Amino acid sequence: MLNISGLNEGIVLDHIQAGRSMDIYLKLGLDKLDCQIAIIKNAKSRKMGRKDIIKIDGGLDLVNVNVLGYIDHNITINIIKDGRIIEKKRVSMPKKIRNVIYCKNPRCITSIEQELPHIFYLADEEKEIYRCQYCDEKYSI
């Protein structure tokens, strides 16, 4: 059995859908951080069968919670201090996301005005559909 040591201080992203950890790693920009990060893929889980886990040595300020909520709103964030979990947070689907996904509509103003932020709003939470703020282009998760 693989053993990854515990964190003294940091955060653990738990209950990630199996196989999605690298997507989260890149979308959060964790590859640009200068801290220790452990990615555990396909860990056994009673609740999910298999899951991924990401351990980050550092504070919650390193993670954009909106990105996590967009990618997978079932993720749990465990905050670790002195080697113990002091708080568990759940993420939810954000009502608005900025520069996480990009509009693919060639007629959208964001295609012409490159410096405009790509802003999407949650149009249908049940169907997990976001729409571009500028052109109303639909984007499904």
Protein backbone atom coordinates (compact mmCIF):
# COMPACT_ATOMS: atom_id res chain seq x y z
CA MET A 1 0.00 0.00 0.00
CA LEU A 2 1.20 3.49 -0.87
CA ASN A 3 1.74 5.82 2.08
CA ILE A 4 1.82 9.61 1.69
CA SER A 5 2.81 11.45 4.84
CA GLY A 6 0.41 13.90 6.42
CA LEU A 7 0.58 17.66 6.24
CA ASN A 8 1.55 19.82 9.17
CA GLU A 9 -0.12 22.87 7.65
CA GLY A 10 -1.97 23.14 4.36
CA ILE A 11 -5.07 22.00 2.55
CA VAL A 12 -6.33 18.70 1.19
CA LEU A 13 -8.72 18.63 -1.75
CA ASP A 14 -10.71 15.46 -1.20
CA HIS A 15 -13.54 13.65 -2.99
CA ILE A 16 -12.28 14.61 -6.44
CA GLN A 17 -13.85 12.50 -9.17
CA ALA A 18 -11.31 9.83 -10.16
CA GLY A 19 -9.10 10.99 -13.02
CA ARG A 20 -9.85 14.73 -12.63
CA SER A 21 -6.89 15.69 -10.39
CA MET A 22 -4.55 16.73 -13.22
CA ASP A 23 -7.25 18.95 -14.74
CA ILE A 24 -7.68 20.63 -11.35
CA TYR A 25 -3.91 20.87 -10.89
CA LEU A 26 -3.55 22.78 -14.17
CA LYS A 27 -6.71 24.93 -13.91
CA LEU A 28 -5.73 26.08 -10.41
CA GLY A 29 -2.22 26.92 -11.63
CA LEU A 30 -0.65 24.66 -9.01
CA ASP A 31 2.19 23.92 -11.45
CA LYS A 32 3.34 27.54 -10.98
CA LEU A 33 3.52 27.35 -7.17
CA ASP A 34 6.74 26.80 -5.25
CA CYS A 35 5.39 24.47 -2.56
CA GLN A 36 5.01 20.75 -2.05
CA ILE A 37 1.99 19.17 -3.74
CA ALA A 38 0.97 15.52 -3.71
CA ILE A 39 -1.53 14.09 -6.17
CA ILE A 40 -3.09 10.76 -5.31
CA LYS A 41 -5.03 9.18 -8.15
CA ASN A 42 -7.58 6.39 -7.90
CA ALA A 43 -7.53 6.12 -4.11
CA LYS A 44 -10.07 3.73 -2.61
CA SER A 45 -13.20 5.42 -1.30
CA ARG A 46 -16.20 3.93 0.46
CA LYS A 47 -18.37 6.82 -0.70
CA MET A 48 -17.21 7.08 -4.33
CA GLY A 49 -15.52 3.76 -5.10
CA ARG A 50 -12.42 5.56 -6.44
CA LYS A 51 -11.35 9.17 -5.97
CA ASP A 52 -8.43 11.54 -6.43
CA ILE A 53 -6.86 13.63 -3.67
CA ILE A 54 -4.57 16.67 -3.86
CA LYS A 55 -2.49 17.72 -0.84
CA ILE A 56 -1.06 21.25 -0.88
CA ASP A 57 1.51 22.47 1.62
CA GLY A 58 0.31 26.04 2.23
CA GLY A 59 -2.77 28.15 2.94
CA LEU A 60 -6.21 28.29 1.38
CA ASP A 61 -5.22 31.52 -0.38
CA LEU A 62 -3.40 29.30 -2.91
CA VAL A 63 -6.70 27.89 -4.24
CA ASN A 64 -9.42 29.61 -6.26
CA VAL A 65 -12.55 28.07 -4.76
CA ASN A 66 -14.68 29.25 -7.73
CA VAL A 67 -12.58 27.16 -10.09
CA LEU A 68 -13.04 24.13 -7.84
CA GLY A 69 -16.80 24.65 -7.68
CA TYR A 70 -16.97 24.88 -11.45
CA ILE A 71 -14.85 21.78 -12.10
CA ASP A 72 -16.44 19.57 -9.46
CA HIS A 73 -18.85 20.93 -6.85
CA ASN A 74 -18.61 17.72 -4.79
CA ILE A 75 -15.02 18.42 -3.70
CA THR A 76 -14.30 18.81 0.01
CA ILE A 77 -11.57 21.19 1.20
CA ASN A 78 -9.89 20.07 4.43
CA ILE A 79 -7.88 22.76 6.19
CA ILE A 80 -4.94 21.34 8.15
CA LYS A 81 -3.15 23.04 11.05
CA ASP A 82 -0.66 21.37 13.39
CA GLY A 83 -1.22 18.07 11.57
CA ARG A 84 -4.98 17.99 12.26
CA ILE A 85 -8.08 18.83 10.25
CA ILE A 86 -9.47 22.01 11.80
CA GLU A 87 -12.15 22.74 9.22
CA LYS A 88 -13.95 21.06 6.32
CA LYS A 89 -15.43 23.18 3.56
CA ARG A 90 -17.68 22.16 0.73
CA VAL A 91 -17.62 23.97 -2.56
CA SER A 92 -20.64 24.86 -4.65
CA MET A 93 -21.18 25.86 -8.24
CA PRO A 94 -20.27 29.55 -8.53
CA LYS A 95 -22.93 31.90 -9.87
CA LYS A 96 -20.31 33.68 -11.98
CA ILE A 97 -16.87 32.62 -13.18
CA ARG A 98 -14.18 34.77 -14.73
CA ASN A 99 -11.40 33.59 -17.08
CA VAL A 100 -11.89 29.92 -16.24
CA ILE A 101 -13.56 28.93 -19.50
CA TYR A 102 -13.37 30.87 -22.75
CA CYS A 103 -16.14 31.69 -25.18
CA LYS A 104 -15.90 29.71 -28.39
CA ASN A 105 -18.38 31.86 -30.33
CA PRO A 106 -16.36 33.59 -33.10
CA ARG A 107 -18.90 36.46 -33.16
CA CYS A 108 -18.55 37.14 -29.42
CA ILE A 109 -16.92 40.45 -28.51
CA THR A 110 -14.27 38.53 -26.55
CA SER A 111 -12.96 37.22 -29.90
CA ILE A 112 -12.28 40.79 -31.05
CA GLU A 113 -11.48 42.53 -27.76
CA GLN A 114 -8.74 40.24 -26.46
CA GLU A 115 -8.33 42.07 -23.14
CA LEU A 116 -11.97 41.60 -22.09
CA PRO A 117 -12.42 39.06 -19.30
CA HIS A 118 -14.34 35.92 -20.20
CA ILE A 119 -17.27 36.01 -17.79
CA PHE A 120 -19.85 33.24 -17.61
CA TYR A 121 -22.91 33.07 -15.37
CA LEU A 122 -24.70 29.97 -14.10
CA ALA A 123 -27.85 29.71 -16.23
CA ASP A 124 -29.12 26.30 -15.11
CA GLU A 125 -27.71 24.73 -11.95
CA GLU A 126 -29.55 21.44 -12.39
CA LYS A 127 -28.21 20.88 -15.92
CA GLU A 128 -24.86 22.52 -15.03
CA ILE A 129 -25.03 25.06 -17.84
CA TYR A 130 -23.10 28.33 -17.95
CA ARG A 131 -23.67 31.14 -20.47
CA CYS A 132 -21.34 33.83 -21.76
CA GLN A 133 -22.16 37.23 -20.28
CA TYR A 134 -21.64 38.96 -23.64
CA CYS A 135 -23.19 36.70 -26.29
CA ASP A 136 -25.19 34.19 -24.20
CA GLU A 137 -23.32 31.25 -25.76
CA LYS A 138 -24.11 28.05 -23.81
CA TYR A 139 -21.34 26.03 -22.17
CA SER A 140 -22.05 22.70 -20.41
CA ILE A 141 -19.74 21.21 -17.84
